[in-house]
Amino acid sequence: MLTLRRKEDFGEAFRTTVSHTKMHKTLQVPAPGSLGPVTPEEARLLEKLDLTRLPRHVAVIMDGNGRWAQKRHLPRIAGHRSGTQSARTTIETCARLKIEALTLYAFSVENWRRPKAEIDFLMQLLREYLRKEMPLIQKNEIRMRFLGRIDELPPGVQKDVREAMEKTAGNQGMVLCVALNYGGRAEIVDAMNAILEERNGHGPAERISEEQLARYLYTEGLPDPDLLIRTSGEMRVSNFLLWQIAYAEIFVTETLWPDFNRARLLEALLEFQKRERRYGGIREGEAVLEKPARAASH
């Protein structure tokens, strides 16, 4: 698995990627024209968007490929293939908006329950996507990371994943994380097992802190997501980044993933900017009770 205890299997590419991620601290503000030609709808949305208050990390549950295909009386694989264009648009837009990190939920540990033919197609589609999109990724200075139990994937996929990380390790732009054979619960279990393996009975049995556990997660070195986007209208997080999305703003859209275009992404960013993020605190200027409220008498 691509956790601390197996990072050596992916060589210098992983260490370099994490190192570059940690150094990526300076706030970068995109130029107004960084997206290039825009539609009238996109222009209206961009006018309302504050480019200085964008989320640092956006996570996306790309849902609805199958339903998109079903509505058009097409095989499910047609939906998956069409969804790659939405992924391309989202990746390029976020990179040009100088968003620090983007995480896409591509394949979960539960997805192995799907028919073998569909799984084989998804793995082949990923390999094809990495080859075709590498020029775009390099052009936009994107660094790639893969989150999940990568060593359980087919050998050819592992090879392509390793090469993608190596090729992009020196890039200075957005970090693109692809959650592949990923599960939020599995990630926490892997982190705990890595801590136990490192301790191996040495030293005092110290309590594990949140900060320590976070260093062993797949996302080590990245900020937690500020915004979680879910397409297709489903109201659940589907075992995705369970630890990291503790305070993420959640945006759910009825749009199916293959129809998720740049305008829909801008809408999600605008909605994010309307939210008041208090992290468990109180609204500025809100009165604080001196005493706890008493329970109503019966």
Protein backbone atom coordinates (compact mmCIF):
# COMPACT_ATOMS: atom_id res chain seq x y z
CA MET A 1 0.00 0.00 0.00
CA LEU A 2 1.16 3.53 -0.62
CA THR A 3 1.60 4.39 3.04
CA LEU A 4 4.78 5.35 4.87
CA ARG A 5 5.94 1.76 5.23
CA ARG A 6 5.65 1.18 1.48
CA LYS A 7 6.81 4.56 0.19
CA GLU A 8 10.22 3.10 -0.55
CA ASP A 9 8.55 0.94 -3.21
CA PHE A 10 7.79 4.09 -5.18
CA GLY A 11 11.29 5.47 -4.84
CA GLU A 12 12.40 9.06 -4.90
CA ALA A 13 9.29 10.21 -6.77
CA PHE A 14 7.07 10.01 -3.70
CA ARG A 15 9.57 11.67 -1.37
CA THR A 16 10.20 14.48 -3.84
CA THR A 17 6.48 15.02 -4.37
CA VAL A 18 5.82 15.31 -0.64
CA SER A 19 8.82 17.60 -0.21
CA HIS A 20 7.63 19.94 -2.95
CA THR A 21 4.11 19.88 -1.46
CA LYS A 22 5.39 21.08 1.90
CA MET A 23 7.28 23.95 0.29
CA HIS A 24 4.19 25.13 -1.62
CA LYS A 25 3.09 27.69 0.99
CA THR A 26 2.92 31.03 -0.79
CA LEU A 27 -0.56 32.19 -1.73
CA GLN A 28 -0.83 32.45 -5.50
CA VAL A 29 -3.61 34.52 -7.04
CA PRO A 30 -4.59 33.75 -10.65
CA ALA A 31 -4.72 36.48 -13.25
CA PRO A 32 -8.29 37.37 -14.34
CA GLY A 33 -7.68 36.01 -17.83
CA SER A 34 -5.92 32.82 -16.77
CA LEU A 35 -8.78 30.60 -17.95
CA GLY A 36 -8.53 31.81 -21.53
CA PRO A 37 -11.72 32.10 -23.63
CA VAL A 38 -14.88 31.79 -21.55
CA THR A 39 -18.57 31.41 -22.32
CA PRO A 40 -21.03 34.18 -21.36
CA GLU A 41 -22.22 32.04 -18.43
CA GLU A 42 -18.67 31.48 -17.23
CA ALA A 43 -17.92 35.19 -17.56
CA ARG A 44 -20.90 36.07 -15.34
CA LEU A 45 -19.76 33.58 -12.71
CA LEU A 46 -16.17 34.80 -12.83
CA GLU A 47 -17.32 38.38 -12.24
CA LYS A 48 -18.79 37.29 -8.90
CA LEU A 49 -15.84 35.11 -7.87
CA ASP A 50 -13.21 36.51 -5.50
CA LEU A 51 -9.98 35.05 -6.84
CA THR A 52 -8.20 35.84 -3.57
CA ARG A 53 -10.53 33.60 -1.51
CA LEU A 54 -10.44 30.31 -3.35
CA PRO A 55 -10.16 27.02 -1.45
CA ARG A 56 -6.64 25.66 -1.03
CA HIS A 57 -7.75 22.07 -1.58
CA VAL A 58 -10.79 20.84 -3.52
CA ALA A 59 -11.93 17.21 -3.34
CA VAL A 60 -14.42 15.72 -5.80
CA ILE A 61 -16.58 12.59 -5.67
CA MET A 62 -17.12 12.02 -9.39
CA ASP A 63 -20.51 10.28 -9.39
CA GLY A 64 -23.14 9.60 -12.01
CA ASN A 65 -21.29 8.09 -14.98
CA GLY A 66 -23.53 5.02 -15.04
CA ARG A 67 -26.77 6.97 -14.78
CA TRP A 68 -25.60 9.39 -17.47
CA ALA A 69 -25.08 6.44 -19.83
CA GLN A 70 -28.35 4.76 -18.82
CA LYS A 71 -30.34 7.91 -19.60
CA ARG A 72 -28.87 7.80 -23.11
CA HIS A 73 -29.36 4.03 -23.50
CA LEU A 74 -25.61 3.55 -23.67
CA PRO A 75 -23.37 1.01 -21.88
CA ARG A 76 -21.92 2.13 -18.54
CA ILE A 77 -18.43 2.34 -20.01
CA ALA A 78 -19.63 5.16 -22.29
CA GLY A 79 -20.38 7.18 -19.16
CA HIS A 80 -16.92 6.49 -17.73
CA ARG A 81 -15.26 7.54 -20.96
CA SER A 82 -17.33 10.73 -21.19
CA GLY A 83 -16.44 11.49 -17.57
CA THR A 84 -12.76 11.79 -18.47
CA GLN A 85 -13.53 15.07 -20.27
CA SER A 86 -15.08 16.46 -17.08
CA ALA A 87 -11.97 15.39 -15.20
CA ARG A 88 -9.76 17.13 -17.76
CA THR A 89 -11.77 20.35 -17.51
CA THR A 90 -11.79 20.30 -13.71
CA ILE A 91 -8.05 19.60 -13.47
CA GLU A 92 -7.05 22.30 -15.94
CA THR A 93 -9.42 24.89 -14.46
CA CYS A 94 -8.24 24.30 -10.89
CA ALA A 95 -4.60 24.42 -11.99
CA ARG A 96 -5.11 27.72 -13.79
CA LEU A 97 -6.97 29.16 -10.79
CA LYS A 98 -3.85 28.37 -8.71
CA ILE A 99 -5.72 26.03 -6.38
CA GLU A 100 -3.09 24.25 -4.33
CA ALA A 101 -4.48 20.71 -4.44
CA LEU A 102 -7.23 18.78 -6.19
CA THR A 103 -8.23 15.25 -5.19
CA LEU A 104 -10.42 13.14 -7.49
CA TYR A 105 -12.12 9.96 -6.23
CA ALA A 106 -11.43 7.60 -9.13
CA PHE A 107 -11.78 4.06 -7.73
CA SER A 108 -12.73 2.94 -4.22
CA VAL A 109 -11.84 -0.26 -2.36
CA GLU A 110 -15.55 -1.14 -2.66
CA ASN A 111 -15.51 -0.79 -6.46
CA TRP A 112 -13.91 -4.24 -6.78
CA ARG A 113 -17.45 -5.59 -6.33
CA ARG A 114 -18.36 -4.36 -9.80
CA PRO A 115 -18.35 -6.69 -12.83
CA LYS A 116 -14.84 -7.70 -13.91
CA ALA A 117 -15.35 -6.31 -17.42
CA GLU A 118 -16.15 -2.86 -15.98
CA ILE A 119 -13.17 -2.96 -13.61
CA ASP A 120 -10.83 -3.97 -16.45
CA PHE A 121 -12.18 -1.10 -18.56
CA LEU A 122 -11.68 1.42 -15.75
CA MET A 123 -8.08 0.32 -15.23
CA GLN A 124 -7.37 0.53 -18.96
CA LEU A 125 -9.10 3.93 -19.13
CA LEU A 126 -6.87 5.22 -16.33
CA ARG A 127 -3.71 4.06 -18.13
CA GLU A 128 -4.92 5.59 -21.38
CA TYR A 129 -5.80 8.85 -19.60
CA LEU A 130 -2.36 9.15 -17.99
CA ARG A 131 -0.65 8.72 -21.36
CA LYS A 132 -2.90 11.12 -23.26
CA GLU A 133 -3.09 13.80 -20.60
CA MET A 134 0.57 13.89 -19.59
CA PRO A 135 1.36 16.80 -21.98
CA LEU A 136 -1.48 18.85 -20.43
CA ILE A 137 -0.34 17.92 -16.92
CA GLN A 138 3.23 18.97 -17.69
CA LYS A 139 2.12 22.17 -19.42
CA ASN A 140 0.23 23.21 -16.29
CA GLU A 141 3.12 22.24 -13.96
CA ILE A 142 0.89 19.73 -12.14
CA ARG A 143 2.40 17.25 -9.67
CA MET A 144 0.68 13.90 -9.39
CA ARG A 145 0.07 11.79 -6.30
CA PHE A 146 -1.97 8.64 -5.89
CA LEU A 147 -3.86 7.90 -2.69
CA GLY A 148 -4.79 4.35 -1.75
CA ARG A 149 -3.58 0.77 -1.66
CA ILE A 150 -1.65 1.07 -4.89
CA ASP A 151 0.24 -2.20 -4.47
CA GLU A 152 -3.05 -4.11 -4.87
CA LEU A 153 -3.61 -2.75 -8.38
CA PRO A 154 -2.63 -4.63 -11.57
CA PRO A 155 1.15 -4.45 -12.27
CA GLY A 156 0.69 -2.34 -15.40
CA VAL A 157 -1.33 0.25 -13.49
CA GLN A 158 1.29 0.35 -10.73
CA LYS A 159 3.96 0.97 -13.35
CA ASP A 160 2.03 3.86 -14.91
CA VAL A 161 1.30 5.37 -11.50
CA ARG A 162 4.99 5.26 -10.56
CA GLU A 163 6.04 6.81 -13.87
CA ALA A 164 3.45 9.59 -13.60
CA MET A 165 4.76 10.53 -10.16
CA GLU A 166 8.36 10.44 -11.33
CA LYS A 167 7.68 12.54 -14.44
CA THR A 168 5.83 15.25 -12.52
CA ALA A 169 7.77 15.26 -9.23
CA GLY A 170 9.68 18.44 -10.13
CA ASN A 171 6.64 20.47 -11.19
CA GLN A 172 5.77 23.52 -9.09
CA GLY A 173 2.03 23.88 -9.68
CA MET A 174 -1.09 22.25 -8.31
CA VAL A 175 -0.91 18.83 -6.67
CA LEU A 176 -3.33 16.43 -8.38
CA CYS A 177 -4.22 13.51 -6.14
CA VAL A 178 -6.01 10.54 -7.68
CA ALA A 179 -7.72 8.37 -5.07
CA LEU A 180 -7.25 4.89 -6.50
CA ASN A 181 -8.20 1.71 -4.66
CA TYR A 182 -8.96 4.13 -1.88
CA GLY A 183 -11.10 3.90 1.25
CA GLY A 184 -11.25 6.37 4.12
CA ARG A 185 -11.45 3.67 6.79
CA ALA A 186 -8.68 1.69 5.11
CA GLU A 187 -6.49 4.80 5.11
CA ILE A 188 -6.88 5.27 8.87
CA VAL A 189 -6.19 1.57 9.48
CA ASP A 190 -3.07 1.77 7.30
CA ALA A 191 -1.87 4.84 9.19
CA MET A 192 -2.33 3.16 12.56
CA ASN A 193 -0.57 0.00 11.39
CA ALA A 194 2.33 2.09 10.06
CA ILE A 195 2.69 3.80 13.44
CA LEU A 196 2.63 0.46 15.26
CA GLU A 197 5.15 -1.02 12.83
CA GLU A 198 7.51 1.93 13.30
CA ARG A 199 7.30 1.71 17.09
CA ASN A 200 7.67 -2.06 17.05
CA GLY A 201 7.62 -2.22 20.84
CA HIS A 202 10.35 0.39 21.27
CA GLY A 203 10.00 3.26 23.70
CA PRO A 204 7.06 4.15 25.94
CA ALA A 205 3.50 3.46 24.83
CA GLU A 206 2.70 7.10 24.16
CA ARG A 207 -0.76 8.22 23.17
CA ILE A 208 -1.17 8.94 19.46
CA SER A 209 -2.09 12.55 18.67
CA GLU A 210 -4.11 13.83 15.73
CA GLU A 211 -0.99 15.52 14.36
CA GLN A 212 1.01 12.32 14.51
CA LEU A 213 -1.66 10.24 12.81
CA ALA A 214 -2.04 12.87 10.07
CA ARG A 215 1.64 12.39 9.17
CA TYR A 216 0.91 8.77 8.26
CA LEU A 217 -2.14 9.40 6.08
CA TYR A 218 -1.93 9.17 2.29
CA THR A 219 -2.39 12.96 2.14
CA GLU A 220 0.64 13.73 4.35
CA GLY A 221 1.98 17.20 3.57
CA LEU A 222 -1.25 18.50 2.00
CA PRO A 223 -3.81 20.85 3.56
CA ASP A 224 -7.16 19.26 4.39
CA PRO A 225 -9.87 19.85 1.76
CA ASP A 226 -11.75 23.12 2.16
CA LEU A 227 -14.41 22.12 -0.34
CA LEU A 228 -15.90 18.70 -1.12
CA ILE A 229 -17.93 18.52 -4.33
CA ARG A 230 -20.29 15.60 -4.94
CA THR A 231 -22.06 15.22 -8.27
CA SER A 232 -25.28 13.30 -9.08
CA GLY A 233 -27.20 14.49 -6.02
CA GLU A 234 -26.26 11.68 -3.62
CA MET A 235 -26.13 12.89 0.00
CA ARG A 236 -23.26 10.82 1.38
CA VAL A 237 -19.46 10.97 1.52
CA SER A 238 -18.93 7.33 0.44
CA ASN A 239 -15.90 6.53 2.62
CA PHE A 240 -13.91 9.37 1.05
CA LEU A 241 -11.25 11.28 3.02
CA LEU A 242 -13.11 10.65 6.28
CA TRP A 243 -10.38 12.16 8.43
CA GLN A 244 -9.53 15.08 6.16
CA ILE A 245 -13.05 16.43 5.46
CA ALA A 246 -13.88 17.02 9.14
CA TYR A 247 -14.43 20.75 8.44
CA ALA A 248 -14.82 20.78 4.66
CA GLU A 249 -17.69 22.68 3.11
CA ILE A 250 -19.83 20.20 1.16
CA PHE A 251 -21.40 21.13 -2.17
CA VAL A 252 -23.83 18.63 -3.70
CA THR A 253 -25.10 19.13 -7.24
CA GLU A 254 -27.69 17.13 -9.17
CA THR A 255 -25.43 17.37 -12.24
CA LEU A 256 -24.10 13.98 -13.32
CA TRP A 257 -20.32 13.84 -13.59
CA PRO A 258 -20.08 13.73 -17.42
CA ASP A 259 -22.13 16.96 -17.50
CA PHE A 260 -19.98 18.69 -14.86
CA ASN A 261 -18.37 21.48 -16.87
CA ARG A 262 -16.36 24.60 -16.00
CA ALA A 263 -19.47 26.66 -15.22
CA ARG A 264 -20.64 24.06 -12.67
CA LEU A 265 -17.20 24.14 -11.03
CA LEU A 266 -17.31 27.92 -10.80
CA GLU A 267 -20.77 27.65 -9.20
CA ALA A 268 -19.32 25.35 -6.54
CA LEU A 269 -16.49 27.81 -5.85
CA LEU A 270 -18.99 30.67 -5.56
CA GLU A 271 -21.09 28.68 -3.11
CA PHE A 272 -17.96 27.99 -1.07
CA GLN A 273 -17.30 31.71 -0.78
CA LYS A 274 -20.80 32.27 0.64
CA ARG A 275 -20.17 29.89 3.54
CA GLU A 276 -19.02 31.15 6.93
CA ARG A 277 -16.34 28.82 8.20
CA ARG A 278 -16.18 28.80 12.00
CA TYR A 279 -14.47 25.46 12.71
CA GLY A 280 -16.63 24.90 15.78
CA GLY A 281 -16.32 28.52 16.93
CA ILE A 282 -18.97 31.23 16.94
CA ARG A 283 -19.98 33.95 14.51
CA GLU A 284 -18.04 37.20 14.90
CA GLY A 285 -19.99 39.57 17.13
CA GLU A 286 -22.25 36.79 18.39
CA ALA A 287 -23.10 37.01 22.10
CA VAL A 288 -21.53 34.40 24.36
CA LEU A 289 -23.60 33.05 27.26
CA GLU A 290 -21.92 33.62 30.62
CA LYS A 291 -23.68 30.57 32.05
CA PRO A 292 -24.84 27.40 30.35
CA ALA A 293 -28.53 27.38 29.55
CA ARG A 294 -30.64 25.42 32.05
CA ALA A 295 -32.83 22.57 30.95
CA ALA A 296 -36.50 23.47 30.70
CA SER A 297 -38.49 22.44 33.75
CA HIS A 298 -41.20 19.84 33.35
